[in-house]
N, C-alpha and C. Protein backbone atom coordinates (compact mmCIF):
# COMPACT_ATOMS: atom_id res chain seq x y z
N MET A 1 -26.69 28.01 8.96
CA MET A 1 -28.09 27.03 8.18
C MET A 1 -28.41 26.31 9.71
N SER A 2 -29.31 26.30 10.14
CA SER A 2 -29.67 25.62 10.79
C SER A 2 -30.85 25.22 11.54
N ILE A 3 -30.80 23.71 11.36
CA ILE A 3 -32.14 22.67 11.01
C ILE A 3 -32.90 22.29 12.43
N ASN A 4 -33.92 22.29 12.67
CA ASN A 4 -34.07 21.79 14.10
C ASN A 4 -34.46 20.41 13.97
N PHE A 5 -33.85 19.60 14.36
CA PHE A 5 -34.07 17.94 13.69
C PHE A 5 -35.33 17.57 14.70
N SER A 6 -35.58 18.23 16.16
CA SER A 6 -36.42 18.12 17.19
C SER A 6 -37.73 17.69 16.53
N GLU A 7 -37.95 17.97 15.29
CA GLU A 7 -39.69 17.99 14.91
C GLU A 7 -39.87 16.83 13.69
N TYR A 8 -38.59 16.05 13.66
CA TYR A 8 -38.68 15.02 12.64
C TYR A 8 -38.82 13.61 13.48
N SER A 9 -39.67 12.61 13.16
CA SER A 9 -39.65 11.75 13.64
C SER A 9 -38.29 10.50 13.85
N LEU A 10 -38.10 9.16 14.38
CA LEU A 10 -36.82 8.38 14.49
C LEU A 10 -36.45 8.34 12.85
N GLU A 11 -38.01 7.51 12.29
CA GLU A 11 -37.68 6.90 11.08
C GLU A 11 -36.62 8.29 10.36
N ASP A 12 -37.46 9.49 10.27
CA ASP A 12 -37.23 10.43 9.54
C ASP A 12 -35.93 10.65 9.28
N LEU A 13 -35.51 10.59 11.02
CA LEU A 13 -33.93 11.41 10.90
C LEU A 13 -33.20 10.01 10.65
N LYS A 14 -33.28 8.85 10.64
CA LYS A 14 -32.59 7.84 9.90
C LYS A 14 -32.37 7.65 8.88
N GLN A 15 -33.42 8.43 7.97
CA GLN A 15 -33.25 8.43 6.43
C GLN A 15 -32.12 9.91 5.99
N ILE A 16 -32.23 10.52 7.32
CA ILE A 16 -31.61 11.85 6.75
C ILE A 16 -30.06 11.29 6.87
N GLN A 17 -30.01 10.80 8.24
CA GLN A 17 -28.33 10.41 8.59
C GLN A 17 -27.85 9.16 7.26
N LYS A 18 -28.70 8.47 6.72
CA LYS A 18 -28.47 7.55 5.54
C LYS A 18 -28.16 8.79 4.30
N ASP A 19 -28.98 9.29 4.35
CA ASP A 19 -28.92 10.02 2.96
C ASP A 19 -27.54 11.06 3.36
N LEU A 20 -27.24 11.75 4.99
CA LEU A 20 -25.96 12.18 4.59
C LEU A 20 -24.67 11.95 4.76
N GLU A 21 -25.02 10.78 5.48
CA GLU A 21 -23.49 9.70 5.15
C GLU A 21 -23.31 9.44 3.88
N LYS A 22 -24.16 9.00 3.07
CA LYS A 22 -23.53 8.98 1.57
C LYS A 22 -23.08 10.15 0.87
N THR A 23 -23.97 10.99 1.15
CA THR A 23 -23.47 12.64 0.51
C THR A 23 -22.19 12.92 0.63
N ILE A 24 -22.03 12.51 1.75
CA ILE A 24 -20.44 12.93 2.57
C ILE A 24 -19.62 11.84 1.54
N LYS A 25 -19.73 10.61 1.78
CA LYS A 25 -19.08 9.69 1.16
C LYS A 25 -18.84 10.17 -0.45
N SER A 26 -19.58 10.83 -1.01
CA SER A 26 -19.93 11.04 -2.40
C SER A 26 -18.82 12.65 -2.74
N LYS A 27 -18.95 13.12 -1.88
CA LYS A 27 -18.52 14.86 -1.71
C LYS A 27 -16.97 14.12 -1.58
N ALA A 28 -16.39 13.49 -0.73
CA ALA A 28 -15.04 13.04 -0.39
C ALA A 28 -14.51 12.65 -1.38
N GLN A 29 -14.90 11.58 -1.97
CA GLN A 29 -14.83 10.25 -3.73
C GLN A 29 -14.31 12.01 -4.44
N ASP A 30 -15.37 12.47 -4.52
CA ASP A 30 -15.40 13.85 -5.75
C ASP A 30 -14.14 14.72 -5.54
N ALA A 31 -13.82 15.03 -3.90
CA ALA A 31 -12.85 16.15 -3.59
C ALA A 31 -11.56 15.65 -3.96
N LYS A 32 -11.24 13.48 -3.79
CA LYS A 32 -10.35 13.01 -4.02
C LYS A 32 -9.47 12.93 -5.07
N LYS A 33 -10.89 12.84 -6.17
CA LYS A 33 -10.88 13.09 -7.87
C LYS A 33 -9.97 13.66 -7.89
N THR A 34 -10.93 15.13 -7.68
CA THR A 34 -10.36 16.62 -8.24
C THR A 34 -8.99 16.86 -7.65
N ALA A 35 -8.57 16.48 -6.51
CA ALA A 35 -7.35 16.40 -6.24
C ALA A 35 -6.10 15.78 -6.91
N LEU A 36 -6.26 14.36 -7.24
CA LEU A 36 -5.30 14.02 -7.92
C LEU A 36 -5.52 14.40 -9.15
N GLN A 37 -6.55 14.66 -9.73
CA GLN A 37 -6.25 15.88 -11.28
C GLN A 37 -5.44 16.48 -11.61
N GLN A 38 -5.43 17.69 -10.21
CA GLN A 38 -4.54 18.56 -9.99
C GLN A 38 -2.83 18.15 -9.85
N ILE A 39 -2.89 17.26 -9.20
CA ILE A 39 -1.96 16.74 -9.18
C ILE A 39 -1.03 16.37 -10.01
N HIS A 40 -1.72 15.45 -11.16
CA HIS A 40 -1.66 14.89 -12.35
C HIS A 40 -1.58 16.28 -13.63
N ASN A 41 -2.13 17.16 -13.59
CA ASN A 41 -1.62 18.31 -14.53
C ASN A 41 -0.26 19.49 -13.64
N ILE A 42 0.00 19.05 -13.23
CA ILE A 42 0.89 19.68 -11.96
C ILE A 42 2.34 18.86 -12.57
N ALA A 43 2.07 17.71 -12.67
CA ALA A 43 3.05 17.07 -12.82
C ALA A 43 2.94 16.76 -14.37
N ASN A 44 2.24 17.04 -15.10
CA ASN A 44 2.16 17.16 -16.77
C ASN A 44 3.19 18.33 -16.96
N GLU A 45 2.75 19.37 -16.35
CA GLU A 45 2.99 20.89 -17.08
C GLU A 45 4.66 20.62 -16.46
N HIS A 46 5.33 20.23 -15.80
CA HIS A 46 6.41 20.31 -15.40
C HIS A 46 7.22 18.80 -15.60
N GLY A 47 6.52 18.26 -16.79
CA GLY A 47 7.39 16.80 -17.48
C GLY A 47 7.48 15.77 -16.68
N LEU A 48 6.86 15.60 -15.64
CA LEU A 48 6.82 14.58 -14.43
C LEU A 48 5.72 13.11 -15.24
N ASP A 49 6.28 11.92 -14.51
CA ASP A 49 5.22 11.16 -14.32
C ASP A 49 5.03 11.36 -12.78
N LEU A 50 3.96 10.54 -12.22
CA LEU A 50 3.44 10.16 -11.06
C LEU A 50 4.80 9.24 -10.34
N ASP A 51 5.18 8.75 -10.92
CA ASP A 51 6.88 7.41 -10.30
C ASP A 51 7.35 8.49 -10.20
N GLU A 52 7.93 9.33 -10.88
CA GLU A 52 8.64 10.46 -10.71
C GLU A 52 8.38 11.48 -9.14
N VAL A 53 7.33 11.73 -9.26
CA VAL A 53 6.90 12.59 -8.36
C VAL A 53 6.90 12.16 -6.95
N LEU A 54 6.39 10.85 -6.89
CA LEU A 54 5.94 9.38 -5.79
C LEU A 54 7.60 9.78 -5.19
N ASP A 55 8.79 9.16 -5.91
CA ASP A 55 9.84 8.61 -5.80
C ASP A 55 10.45 10.09 -5.50
N GLY A 56 10.05 11.51 -5.74
CA GLY A 56 10.91 12.57 -5.09
C GLY A 56 10.65 12.79 -3.52
N LEU A 57 9.41 12.29 -3.22
CA LEU A 57 9.01 12.65 -2.08
C LEU A 57 9.26 11.51 -1.18
N LYS A 58 10.33 10.69 -1.26
CA LYS A 58 10.46 9.97 -0.37
C LYS A 58 11.82 10.07 -0.01
N ASN A 59 12.24 9.82 1.20
CA ASN A 59 13.58 10.83 1.90
C ASN A 59 15.06 10.13 0.88
N PRO A 60 15.65 10.84 0.49
CA PRO A 60 16.17 9.53 -0.03
C PRO A 60 17.53 9.75 0.42
N SER A 61 17.63 9.79 2.23
CA SER A 61 18.84 9.34 2.96
C SER A 61 18.09 8.23 3.71
N LYS A 62 16.90 7.74 3.32
CA LYS A 62 16.60 6.55 3.70
C LYS A 62 16.11 5.61 2.74
N LYS A 63 16.69 5.36 1.49
CA LYS A 63 16.66 4.56 0.41
C LYS A 63 17.30 2.99 1.15
N LYS A 64 16.65 2.31 1.05
CA LYS A 64 17.38 0.75 1.04
C LYS A 64 18.44 0.17 0.25
N ALA A 65 19.13 0.07 0.59
CA ALA A 65 20.30 -0.59 -0.34
C ALA A 65 19.71 -2.39 -0.59
N LYS A 66 20.11 -2.77 -1.93
CA LYS A 66 19.49 -3.93 -2.19
C LYS A 66 20.66 -5.07 -1.36
N VAL A 67 19.77 -6.12 -1.41
CA VAL A 67 20.46 -6.90 -0.03
C VAL A 67 20.82 -8.15 -1.10
N ALA A 68 21.96 -8.51 -1.26
CA ALA A 68 22.15 -9.48 -2.20
C ALA A 68 21.83 -11.27 -1.79
N PRO A 69 21.40 -12.00 -2.29
CA PRO A 69 20.73 -13.27 -1.45
C PRO A 69 21.81 -13.65 -0.99
N LYS A 70 21.62 -14.22 -0.14
CA LYS A 70 22.68 -15.60 0.83
C LYS A 70 22.99 -16.71 0.59
N TYR A 71 21.00 -17.25 0.45
CA TYR A 71 21.06 -18.54 0.34
C TYR A 71 20.01 -18.71 -0.52
N GLN A 72 20.37 -20.37 -1.08
CA GLN A 72 19.72 -20.60 -2.62
C GLN A 72 19.02 -22.11 -2.44
N ASN A 73 18.03 -21.74 -2.69
CA ASN A 73 17.29 -23.39 -3.66
C ASN A 73 17.77 -24.48 -4.12
N PRO A 74 18.79 -25.21 -3.58
CA PRO A 74 18.92 -26.44 -4.48
C PRO A 74 18.58 -27.12 -5.37
N LYS A 75 17.14 -27.43 -5.13
CA LYS A 75 16.10 -27.65 -6.31
C LYS A 75 16.08 -26.78 -7.30
N ASN A 76 16.15 -25.87 -6.74
CA ASN A 76 15.70 -24.65 -7.95
C ASN A 76 16.26 -23.30 -7.51
N ASN A 77 17.68 -23.41 -8.54
CA ASN A 77 18.56 -22.07 -8.74
C ASN A 77 18.22 -20.69 -8.64
N SER A 78 16.48 -20.81 -9.05
CA SER A 78 16.34 -19.47 -9.10
C SER A 78 15.53 -18.37 -7.70
N GLU A 79 15.45 -19.89 -6.79
CA GLU A 79 14.96 -19.13 -5.45
C GLU A 79 15.98 -18.92 -4.53
N THR A 80 16.00 -18.02 -4.65
CA THR A 80 16.94 -17.34 -3.36
C THR A 80 16.64 -16.60 -2.27
N TRP A 81 17.15 -15.99 -1.25
CA TRP A 81 16.71 -15.82 0.00
C TRP A 81 18.11 -14.79 0.51
N THR A 82 17.78 -13.49 1.04
CA THR A 82 19.00 -12.43 1.77
C THR A 82 19.09 -13.14 3.22
N GLY A 83 18.18 -13.91 3.54
CA GLY A 83 18.11 -14.14 4.85
C GLY A 83 17.29 -13.19 6.07
N ARG A 84 16.75 -12.13 5.28
CA ARG A 84 16.08 -11.32 6.33
C ARG A 84 14.70 -11.87 5.84
N GLY A 85 13.91 -11.08 6.86
CA GLY A 85 12.24 -11.31 6.70
C GLY A 85 12.04 -12.76 6.98
N ARG A 86 10.65 -13.14 6.32
CA ARG A 86 10.27 -14.58 6.59
C ARG A 86 10.70 -15.26 5.79
N LYS A 87 10.73 -16.81 6.49
CA LYS A 87 11.58 -18.04 5.75
C LYS A 87 10.81 -18.28 4.80
N PRO A 88 11.42 -17.86 3.71
CA PRO A 88 10.53 -18.89 2.19
C PRO A 88 10.23 -20.49 2.56
N LYS A 89 9.51 -21.00 1.90
CA LYS A 89 8.93 -22.52 2.55
C LYS A 89 9.71 -23.06 2.03
N TRP A 90 10.34 -22.81 0.42
CA TRP A 90 11.44 -23.84 0.34
C TRP A 90 12.59 -24.20 1.80
N VAL A 91 12.93 -22.61 2.45
CA VAL A 91 13.70 -22.88 3.41
C VAL A 91 13.32 -23.93 4.35
N GLU A 92 11.94 -23.19 4.68
CA GLU A 92 11.28 -24.06 6.10
C GLU A 92 11.64 -25.59 5.73
N GLN A 93 10.97 -25.84 4.90
CA GLN A 93 11.16 -27.15 3.56
C GLN A 93 12.34 -28.04 4.51
N ALA A 94 13.55 -27.45 3.34
CA ALA A 94 14.83 -28.02 4.27
C ALA A 94 15.29 -28.32 5.37
N LEU A 95 15.02 -27.46 6.13
CA LEU A 95 14.97 -27.19 7.37
C LEU A 95 14.22 -28.58 7.95
N SER A 96 13.12 -28.57 7.80
CA SER A 96 12.34 -29.36 8.71
C SER A 96 13.00 -31.21 8.28
N GLU A 97 13.61 -30.85 6.56
CA GLU A 97 14.22 -32.27 6.41
C GLU A 97 15.21 -32.31 6.95
N GLY A 98 16.18 -31.82 7.68
CA GLY A 98 17.17 -31.75 8.50
C GLY A 98 18.26 -31.07 8.44
N LYS A 99 18.13 -30.16 7.21
CA LYS A 99 19.05 -29.67 6.27
C LYS A 99 19.62 -28.63 7.44
N SER A 100 20.63 -28.03 7.13
CA SER A 100 21.38 -26.71 7.93
C SER A 100 21.10 -25.30 7.29
N LEU A 101 20.91 -24.36 8.24
CA LEU A 101 20.78 -23.39 7.22
C LEU A 101 21.99 -22.96 6.55
N SER A 102 22.93 -23.46 7.19
CA SER A 102 24.72 -23.36 6.27
C SER A 102 24.58 -24.09 4.85
N SER A 103 23.85 -25.22 4.82
CA SER A 103 24.21 -25.48 3.63
C SER A 103 23.08 -25.21 2.73
N LEU A 104 22.73 -24.75 2.71
CA LEU A 104 22.03 -23.58 1.61
C LEU A 104 22.51 -22.36 1.49
N GLU A 105 23.76 -22.06 2.04
CA GLU A 105 24.35 -20.59 1.52
C GLU A 105 25.09 -20.96 0.15
N ILE A 106 24.51 -19.67 -0.30
CA ILE A 106 25.42 -19.65 -2.01
C ILE A 106 27.46 -19.64 -1.69
């Protein structure tokens, strides 16, 4: 299929571009819906739910072990922190109050 776009005005070409982008987006969404439905059907045929499918795709050798909390908020025992990642606000506040990190250890 070959279309000679040089015969169209600039306004017509811009409208064609908008219509084409809209059609491409719609077709892409339809393709995703179809793919998801196919995945869902295959999972159901094998007695799996989608969470099991996704978990099965993860690399089992790279599973992260759960890390035990190392620090606890003295004002609220339900707030804990492993010492990894960003410091929670309660840790930041305790440190700004002059407490040491070791004083928050469990």
